[in-house]
Amino acid sequence: MDTLRYWYSSWIGIFEDLTEATFIETADKYISDVWGVIDEPPYGSREKRKGRFNDRSWRRSSHSHGSLPTLERYQSYLEWHAMWCAGGEILTSHRLAQHEWDYGSLEYEIRIDKLTVPPIWLSDLVGGRPLLESFWRPPQRPIAEWRKDATDPEILAEIMVADRPGYLVVDQSATTASRTFRHEVRVSTGLVSSDTAPALVRALQTTWDDFDYRIPPEGDDLEIDAGDYVLRGWLKSNDGDSRFDRPDRFCNGTRRIECEPGRAITKVLGLSRQTDRGARWFRSDHSEPTFIYEVWGHPEVEDDREIYYDDDVRSDGYRLLVRISDLAEFLHGQGMEMIMESGLRRDEKGKSSSSYDDKESTEVRFDRLFLFRLDGTIQAAERDVGAWRQDS
């Protein structure tokens, strides 16, 4: 059912006037006639490797709803490759259908079955969790007290990270949890005009719900350019589905490079990406990377329930770091300052916590805005809270 409904139907929609029967007959020709596969009911019963895998691993070999199986059975192997062969043959006899959107086109179907971040696999991006205490241990304060309060020093410690001297976090989404607590951190940044930046920080800090606004990525519709009022994205946010390498069990939940340098800073600083050790962006004449992308997680388990009731601290997420000296040079060249939103979610229910809008939810949310000024100071809505450059 999944082969016909999801794998094959996508290819049938690529062509004009192509029936399901024609596509299936073409695919079956490759399996039965070209490759000479002889099978008996039930389909796949003659697979020689079948007894080598525990039936409890059925989720790994499932291609439900069009997904690619982590553990490839002989049956799905034949059906998958027959689909591509049939599509190639039908290209010689049927015209391509016209699509208003990219979705459903031949180019789209080919693209989603390539690597997500070529030339590397998603698992090549995965590293260990950052060497910060907050990612490895429960809070040092009592959970009930910790959940109700987040101080500026605690929030800034998630940004001016001790494990990466000379860098600061400019985009992040991370969750750390055990049975007794859950801690989520989200960071986003943008560029703002100097004269009006403090007023923007004060206005956003007084909003009732942080979902009422967004610090936009580069090119987003929420960017503002109205005289003295400028709010501009400078990082590229990558959306869309993961591709061929998503089922790799060693990618530990990684979907893609979630955020990377935008066009403007890439051009101004002459950045190029290297993927020999994860993802890093270098200036042509520098040995230290300007940007570092880090992603971490844990292997998927057969039954998620087993992680809800242990005391082990687990963490997954990503963060994008920028070299402070390069950021300062870029901001001065643009005549802009950086606005940062740091959102925290804290919960005493831990891994098995209910959703945020559940009546029984114990989650507490904090949202803090900071302005990284050209003079090197960090300013919140009410006061200065520190410095982001050593020369400040």
Protein backbone atom coordinates (compact mmCIF):
# COMPACT_ATOMS: atom_id res chain seq x y z
CA MET A 1 0.00 0.00 0.00
CA ASP A 2 2.78 2.46 0.84
CA THR A 3 4.71 1.64 -2.34
CA LEU A 4 1.76 2.40 -4.62
CA ARG A 5 0.20 5.23 -2.65
CA TYR A 6 3.36 7.21 -1.93
CA TRP A 7 6.41 6.07 -3.90
CA TYR A 8 4.77 5.28 -7.24
CA SER A 9 1.97 7.84 -7.15
CA SER A 10 4.51 10.67 -6.91
CA TRP A 11 6.14 9.54 -10.13
CA ILE A 12 2.86 8.95 -11.90
CA GLY A 13 1.94 12.60 -11.27
CA ILE A 14 5.11 13.78 -13.02
CA PHE A 15 3.81 12.77 -16.45
CA GLU A 16 0.81 13.73 -18.55
CA ASP A 17 -1.81 11.04 -19.16
CA LEU A 18 0.11 8.30 -17.37
CA THR A 19 -2.04 5.66 -15.70
CA GLU A 20 -1.17 3.73 -12.58
CA ALA A 21 -1.49 0.45 -14.46
CA THR A 22 1.08 1.49 -17.07
CA PHE A 23 3.60 2.55 -14.46
CA ILE A 24 3.14 -0.65 -12.41
CA GLU A 25 3.46 -2.84 -15.50
CA THR A 26 6.69 -1.06 -16.46
CA ALA A 27 8.13 -1.46 -12.96
CA ASP A 28 7.11 -5.12 -12.83
CA LYS A 29 8.83 -5.72 -16.17
CA TYR A 30 12.16 -4.76 -14.61
CA ILE A 31 11.61 -6.93 -11.53
CA SER A 32 10.29 -10.02 -13.30
CA ASP A 33 11.77 -9.93 -16.82
CA VAL A 34 14.95 -7.86 -16.68
CA TRP A 35 16.18 -8.94 -13.23
CA GLY A 36 14.53 -12.37 -13.31
CA VAL A 37 13.14 -12.24 -9.79
CA ILE A 38 10.85 -15.18 -9.02
CA ASP A 39 8.78 -14.94 -5.85
CA GLU A 40 6.00 -16.78 -4.11
CA PRO A 41 3.03 -15.55 -2.06
CA PRO A 42 3.23 -13.86 0.35
CA TYR A 43 5.38 -11.36 -1.49
CA GLY A 44 8.92 -11.33 -0.17
CA SER A 45 8.74 -14.84 1.30
CA ARG A 46 11.85 -15.98 -0.57
CA GLU A 47 14.06 -13.30 0.87
CA LYS A 48 17.14 -15.15 2.16
CA ARG A 49 18.02 -12.56 4.83
CA LYS A 50 14.56 -12.49 6.38
CA GLY A 51 15.43 -14.57 9.45
CA ARG A 52 18.47 -12.44 10.28
CA PHE A 53 16.39 -9.53 11.59
CA ASN A 54 14.20 -9.49 14.65
CA ASP A 55 10.53 -8.89 13.84
CA ARG A 56 10.53 -6.22 16.56
CA SER A 57 12.68 -4.12 14.20
CA TRP A 58 9.81 -3.73 11.75
CA ARG A 59 9.84 0.07 12.15
CA ARG A 60 13.36 0.22 10.75
CA SER A 61 12.31 -1.62 7.60
CA SER A 62 9.01 0.22 7.17
CA HIS A 63 8.55 2.75 4.37
CA SER A 64 5.26 4.03 5.72
CA HIS A 65 3.90 7.18 4.07
CA GLY A 66 6.71 7.27 1.54
CA SER A 67 9.62 7.32 3.96
CA LEU A 68 12.84 5.51 3.20
CA PRO A 69 13.54 2.48 5.41
CA THR A 70 16.64 2.42 7.57
CA LEU A 71 16.82 -1.37 7.20
CA GLU A 72 16.24 -2.19 3.55
CA ARG A 73 14.38 -5.43 2.83
CA TYR A 74 14.75 -7.18 -0.51
CA GLN A 75 11.15 -6.38 -1.37
CA SER A 76 11.49 -2.63 -0.87
CA TYR A 77 14.89 -2.73 -2.62
CA LEU A 78 13.27 -4.14 -5.76
CA GLU A 79 10.27 -1.82 -5.68
CA TRP A 80 12.45 1.27 -5.13
CA HIS A 81 14.88 0.61 -7.98
CA ALA A 82 12.11 -0.54 -10.30
CA MET A 83 10.43 2.83 -9.72
CA TRP A 84 13.49 4.70 -10.98
CA CYS A 85 13.94 2.42 -13.96
CA ALA A 86 10.28 2.72 -14.89
CA GLY A 87 10.45 6.50 -14.59
CA GLY A 88 13.49 6.63 -16.85
CA GLU A 89 11.82 4.50 -19.52
CA ILE A 90 8.55 6.44 -19.42
CA LEU A 91 10.49 9.68 -19.97
CA THR A 92 10.97 8.50 -23.57
CA SER A 93 7.24 8.05 -24.21
CA HIS A 94 5.31 10.60 -22.11
CA ARG A 95 5.50 14.34 -21.73
CA LEU A 96 6.14 15.93 -18.36
CA ALA A 97 3.12 17.50 -16.67
CA GLN A 98 3.12 21.23 -15.98
CA HIS A 99 3.21 22.11 -12.27
CA GLU A 100 2.40 25.50 -10.80
CA TRP A 101 4.81 24.81 -7.94
CA ASP A 102 8.12 23.01 -7.73
CA TYR A 103 6.51 20.26 -5.66
CA GLY A 104 5.61 17.25 -7.81
CA SER A 105 7.97 18.06 -10.68
CA LEU A 106 10.67 15.75 -12.01
CA GLU A 107 13.37 18.03 -10.61
CA TYR A 108 11.74 17.89 -7.16
CA GLU A 109 11.51 14.09 -7.11
CA ILE A 110 15.16 13.77 -8.09
CA ARG A 111 16.28 16.42 -5.62
CA ILE A 112 14.58 14.92 -2.55
CA ASP A 113 16.40 11.66 -3.16
CA LYS A 114 19.83 13.22 -3.09
CA LEU A 115 21.94 14.08 -0.04
CA THR A 116 20.54 16.86 2.13
CA VAL A 117 23.85 18.71 2.54
CA PRO A 118 26.03 17.55 -0.35
CA PRO A 119 28.76 16.39 -0.53
CA ILE A 120 28.44 15.03 3.03
CA TRP A 121 25.90 12.84 4.80
CA LEU A 122 23.81 14.28 7.62
CA SER A 123 25.59 11.98 10.07
CA ASP A 124 28.87 13.72 9.18
CA LEU A 125 27.51 16.90 10.78
CA VAL A 126 26.77 15.25 14.12
CA GLY A 127 29.16 15.87 16.99
CA GLY A 128 29.14 15.53 20.74
CA ARG A 129 26.98 17.79 22.83
CA PRO A 130 28.67 21.05 23.84
CA LEU A 131 30.90 20.91 26.91
CA LEU A 132 28.65 23.09 29.02
CA GLU A 133 27.30 21.93 32.36
CA SER A 134 23.75 22.87 31.37
CA PHE A 135 23.77 20.20 28.63
CA TRP A 136 25.04 17.41 30.89
CA ARG A 137 23.67 17.89 34.41
CA PRO A 138 20.43 18.86 36.13
CA PRO A 139 20.11 22.44 37.38
CA GLN A 140 22.19 23.21 40.45
CA ARG A 141 19.26 24.99 42.11
CA PRO A 142 16.17 23.10 43.35
CA ILE A 143 13.97 22.36 40.32
CA ALA A 144 10.93 24.19 41.72
CA GLU A 145 13.00 27.33 42.26
CA TRP A 146 14.90 27.01 38.97
CA ARG A 147 11.68 26.59 36.99
CA LYS A 148 10.20 29.87 38.18
CA ASP A 149 13.12 32.18 37.54
CA ALA A 150 15.73 32.79 34.82
CA THR A 151 18.36 35.42 35.55
CA ASP A 152 20.22 37.50 32.97
CA PRO A 153 23.56 35.82 33.83
CA GLU A 154 21.97 32.40 33.24
CA ILE A 155 20.56 33.49 29.88
CA LEU A 156 23.79 35.16 28.75
CA ALA A 157 25.71 32.01 29.70
CA GLU A 158 23.77 30.25 26.90
CA ILE A 159 25.06 32.90 24.45
CA MET A 160 28.55 33.88 25.63
CA VAL A 161 29.50 30.21 25.92
CA ALA A 162 32.47 29.16 28.00
CA ASP A 163 33.36 26.20 25.77
CA ARG A 164 33.97 28.44 22.72
CA PRO A 165 36.08 31.43 23.82
CA GLY A 166 35.99 34.26 21.30
CA TYR A 167 32.62 33.15 19.86
CA LEU A 168 29.00 33.80 20.68
CA VAL A 169 25.81 31.94 19.80
CA VAL A 170 23.66 33.75 17.22
CA ASP A 171 21.13 31.00 16.46
CA GLN A 172 20.15 28.00 18.54
CA SER A 173 17.47 25.47 19.31
CA ALA A 174 18.29 22.93 21.99
CA THR A 175 16.51 20.74 24.53
CA THR A 176 18.04 19.12 27.60
CA ALA A 177 15.94 16.85 29.79
CA SER A 178 15.81 14.01 32.26
CA ARG A 179 12.93 12.45 34.15
CA THR A 180 12.87 15.39 36.58
CA PHE A 181 13.30 18.47 34.37
CA ARG A 182 13.22 19.85 30.83
CA HIS A 183 15.11 22.91 29.60
CA GLU A 184 14.67 24.36 26.11
CA VAL A 185 16.70 27.24 24.69
CA ARG A 186 15.94 29.14 21.48
CA VAL A 187 18.08 31.99 20.14
CA SER A 188 17.53 34.17 17.07
CA THR A 189 19.26 37.36 15.91
CA GLY A 190 18.85 40.16 13.38
CA LEU A 191 20.27 43.58 12.50
CA VAL A 192 18.70 46.87 13.58
CA SER A 193 19.38 50.57 12.98
CA SER A 194 21.32 52.12 15.86
CA ASP A 195 19.09 55.13 16.61
CA THR A 196 15.84 53.21 16.93
CA ALA A 197 17.17 49.90 18.26
CA PRO A 198 16.59 50.62 22.00
CA ALA A 199 12.97 51.56 21.33
CA LEU A 200 12.43 48.30 19.43
CA VAL A 201 13.91 46.24 22.25
CA ARG A 202 11.66 47.95 24.81
CA ALA A 203 8.57 47.51 22.65
CA LEU A 204 9.17 43.81 22.00
CA GLN A 205 10.05 43.10 25.63
CA THR A 206 6.64 44.36 26.74
CA THR A 207 4.63 42.06 24.42
CA TRP A 208 2.42 39.54 26.17
CA ASP A 209 3.43 36.56 24.04
CA ASP A 210 6.74 36.06 22.24
CA PHE A 211 4.86 34.31 19.42
CA ASP A 212 3.43 37.74 18.50
CA TYR A 213 6.67 38.71 16.78
CA ARG A 214 9.70 37.19 15.10
CA ILE A 215 13.31 38.22 14.53
CA PRO A 216 13.39 37.51 10.78
CA PRO A 217 16.01 35.62 8.80
CA GLU A 218 17.52 37.17 5.69
CA GLY A 219 14.95 37.78 2.95
CA ASP A 220 11.92 37.18 5.17
CA ASP A 221 8.68 39.11 4.65
CA LEU A 222 8.90 40.45 8.22
CA GLU A 223 12.01 42.50 7.49
CA ILE A 224 11.46 46.25 7.99
CA ASP A 225 13.04 49.07 6.00
CA ALA A 226 11.12 52.28 6.69
CA GLY A 227 13.38 55.29 7.05
CA ASP A 228 15.04 55.24 10.46
CA TYR A 229 13.32 51.95 11.33
CA VAL A 230 15.30 49.00 10.00
CA LEU A 231 15.05 45.36 11.09
CA ARG A 232 17.00 43.10 8.77
CA GLY A 233 17.87 39.43 8.71
CA TRP A 234 21.50 38.44 8.31
CA LEU A 235 21.34 34.66 8.67
CA LYS A 236 19.81 32.17 6.27
CA SER A 237 17.16 29.86 7.71
CA ASN A 238 16.90 26.54 5.87
CA ASP A 239 13.44 25.01 5.66
CA GLY A 240 12.17 21.99 3.79
CA ASP A 241 12.40 18.25 4.16
CA SER A 242 15.47 16.18 4.72
CA ARG A 243 16.42 13.94 1.82
CA PHE A 244 17.94 10.58 1.07
CA ASP A 245 20.17 10.42 4.15
CA ARG A 246 17.47 11.20 6.73
CA PRO A 247 16.83 7.52 7.72
CA ASP A 248 20.50 7.04 8.61
CA ARG A 249 20.33 5.93 12.24
CA PHE A 250 23.62 7.70 12.96
CA CYS A 251 22.27 11.16 12.10
CA ASN A 252 20.71 11.24 15.62
CA GLY A 253 17.70 13.28 14.55
CA THR A 254 19.64 15.80 12.44
CA ARG A 255 17.46 17.14 9.61
CA ARG A 256 19.71 19.63 7.81
CA ILE A 257 21.91 22.67 8.47
CA GLU A 258 19.14 24.67 10.11
CA CYS A 259 20.86 28.07 9.93
CA GLU A 260 23.92 29.46 8.16
CA PRO A 261 25.49 32.80 7.19
CA GLY A 262 23.35 34.93 4.89
CA ARG A 263 24.29 36.36 1.52
CA ALA A 264 25.39 39.79 2.80
CA ILE A 265 27.92 38.66 5.38
CA THR A 266 29.14 35.87 3.10
CA LYS A 267 29.92 38.43 0.41
CA VAL A 268 31.37 41.11 2.70
CA LEU A 269 33.72 38.74 4.54
CA GLY A 270 34.36 36.42 1.59
CA LEU A 271 33.20 33.29 3.40
CA SER A 272 33.36 29.76 2.07
CA ARG A 273 32.01 26.61 3.70
CA GLN A 274 34.17 23.66 4.66
CA THR A 275 32.68 20.33 5.66
CA ASP A 276 35.73 18.35 6.71
CA ARG A 277 34.74 18.74 10.38
CA GLY A 278 31.01 19.36 10.43
CA ALA A 279 30.13 22.71 8.89
CA ARG A 280 32.35 25.78 9.26
CA TRP A 281 32.72 28.99 7.26
CA PHE A 282 36.13 30.59 6.75
CA ARG A 283 37.48 33.85 5.40
CA SER A 284 40.06 33.27 2.69
CA ASP A 285 42.93 34.70 4.72
CA HIS A 286 42.01 33.34 8.17
CA SER A 287 42.83 30.03 9.84
CA GLU A 288 40.04 30.36 12.45
CA PRO A 289 36.45 29.88 11.24
CA THR A 290 34.11 32.85 11.24
CA PHE A 291 31.05 30.62 11.76
CA ILE A 292 30.77 27.20 13.39
CA TYR A 293 27.63 25.06 13.11
CA GLU A 294 27.23 22.38 15.75
CA VAL A 295 24.50 19.75 15.99
CA TRP A 296 24.11 16.93 18.48
CA GLY A 297 21.57 14.36 19.56
CA HIS A 298 21.11 10.75 20.55
CA PRO A 299 20.30 7.56 18.64
CA GLU A 300 16.66 6.74 18.09
CA VAL A 301 15.20 3.98 20.26
CA GLU A 302 12.62 1.36 19.38
CA ASP A 303 10.26 2.49 22.14
CA ASP A 304 10.33 6.16 23.19
CA ARG A 305 8.77 5.26 26.53
CA GLU A 306 12.03 3.83 27.80
CA ILE A 307 13.64 7.29 27.91
CA TYR A 308 10.82 8.88 29.91
CA TYR A 309 11.45 7.13 33.18
CA ASP A 310 15.22 7.19 33.68
CA ASP A 311 17.41 9.80 35.33
CA ASP A 312 19.92 10.14 32.48
CA VAL A 313 20.26 13.66 31.11
CA ARG A 314 19.75 13.69 27.35
CA SER A 315 20.26 16.61 25.00
CA ASP A 316 19.67 17.35 21.35
CA GLY A 317 19.78 20.49 19.25
CA TYR A 318 21.95 22.77 17.18
CA ARG A 319 23.71 26.11 17.51
CA LEU A 320 25.44 28.53 15.14
CA LEU A 321 28.38 30.47 16.57
CA VAL A 322 30.13 33.51 15.13
CA ARG A 323 33.63 34.77 15.83
CA ILE A 324 33.26 37.96 17.88
CA SER A 325 35.97 39.94 16.08
CA ASP A 326 34.47 39.16 12.67
CA LEU A 327 30.99 40.07 13.89
CA ALA A 328 32.25 43.42 15.19
CA GLU A 329 33.90 44.17 11.84
CA PHE A 330 30.72 43.30 9.95
CA LEU A 331 28.44 45.38 12.20
CA HIS A 332 30.68 48.45 11.94
CA GLY A 333 30.81 48.09 8.17
CA GLN A 334 27.02 47.89 7.98
CA GLY A 335 26.45 50.62 10.56
CA MET A 336 23.99 48.29 12.30
CA GLU A 337 23.58 46.70 15.71
CA MET A 338 22.51 43.17 16.51
CA ILE A 339 19.24 42.38 18.26
CA MET A 340 18.93 39.02 19.96
CA GLU A 341 15.92 37.14 21.28
CA SER A 342 16.56 34.34 23.76
CA GLY A 343 13.56 32.20 24.63
CA LEU A 344 13.64 29.65 27.47
CA ARG A 345 11.18 26.91 28.39
CA ARG A 346 11.55 25.24 31.77
CA ASP A 347 9.51 22.34 33.11
CA GLU A 348 9.65 20.08 36.14
CA LYS A 349 7.97 17.16 34.37
CA GLY A 350 10.99 16.34 32.25
CA LYS A 351 10.91 14.06 29.22
CA SER A 352 7.31 13.00 29.74
CA SER A 353 6.05 16.56 30.04
CA SER A 354 2.69 17.42 28.55
CA SER A 355 2.37 19.98 25.79
CA TYR A 356 2.59 23.69 26.53
CA ASP A 357 -1.16 24.31 26.18
CA ASP A 358 -2.16 21.32 28.31
CA LYS A 359 -4.15 22.27 31.40
CA GLU A 360 -1.79 20.19 33.52
CA SER A 361 1.36 21.67 32.01
CA THR A 362 3.99 22.92 34.46
CA GLU A 363 6.04 24.65 31.78
CA VAL A 364 7.21 28.21 32.42
CA ARG A 365 8.36 30.41 29.53
CA PHE A 366 10.86 33.24 29.58
CA ASP A 367 11.70 35.59 26.74
CA ARG A 368 14.53 38.10 26.90
CA LEU A 369 15.76 40.60 24.31
CA PHE A 370 19.25 42.03 24.11
CA LEU A 371 20.90 44.64 21.97
CA PHE A 372 24.55 44.05 21.03
CA ARG A 373 25.71 47.61 20.50
CA LEU A 374 28.50 48.93 18.31
CA ASP A 375 30.37 50.16 21.37
CA GLY A 376 30.59 46.56 22.63
CA THR A 377 28.00 46.72 25.40
CA ILE A 378 24.96 44.46 25.81
CA GLN A 379 21.78 46.37 26.57
CA ALA A 380 18.44 44.96 27.74
CA ALA A 381 15.17 46.87 27.86
CA GLU A 382 15.87 48.30 31.31
CA ARG A 383 19.66 48.48 31.64
CA ASP A 384 23.08 47.48 30.41
CA VAL A 385 23.84 43.87 31.34
CA GLY A 386 27.44 43.41 30.23
CA ALA A 387 29.81 43.50 27.28
CA TRP A 388 30.26 41.22 24.30
CA ARG A 389 33.74 42.47 23.34
CA GLN A 390 36.81 42.48 25.55
CA ASP A 391 37.77 45.99 24.46
CA SER A 392 34.47 47.43 25.75
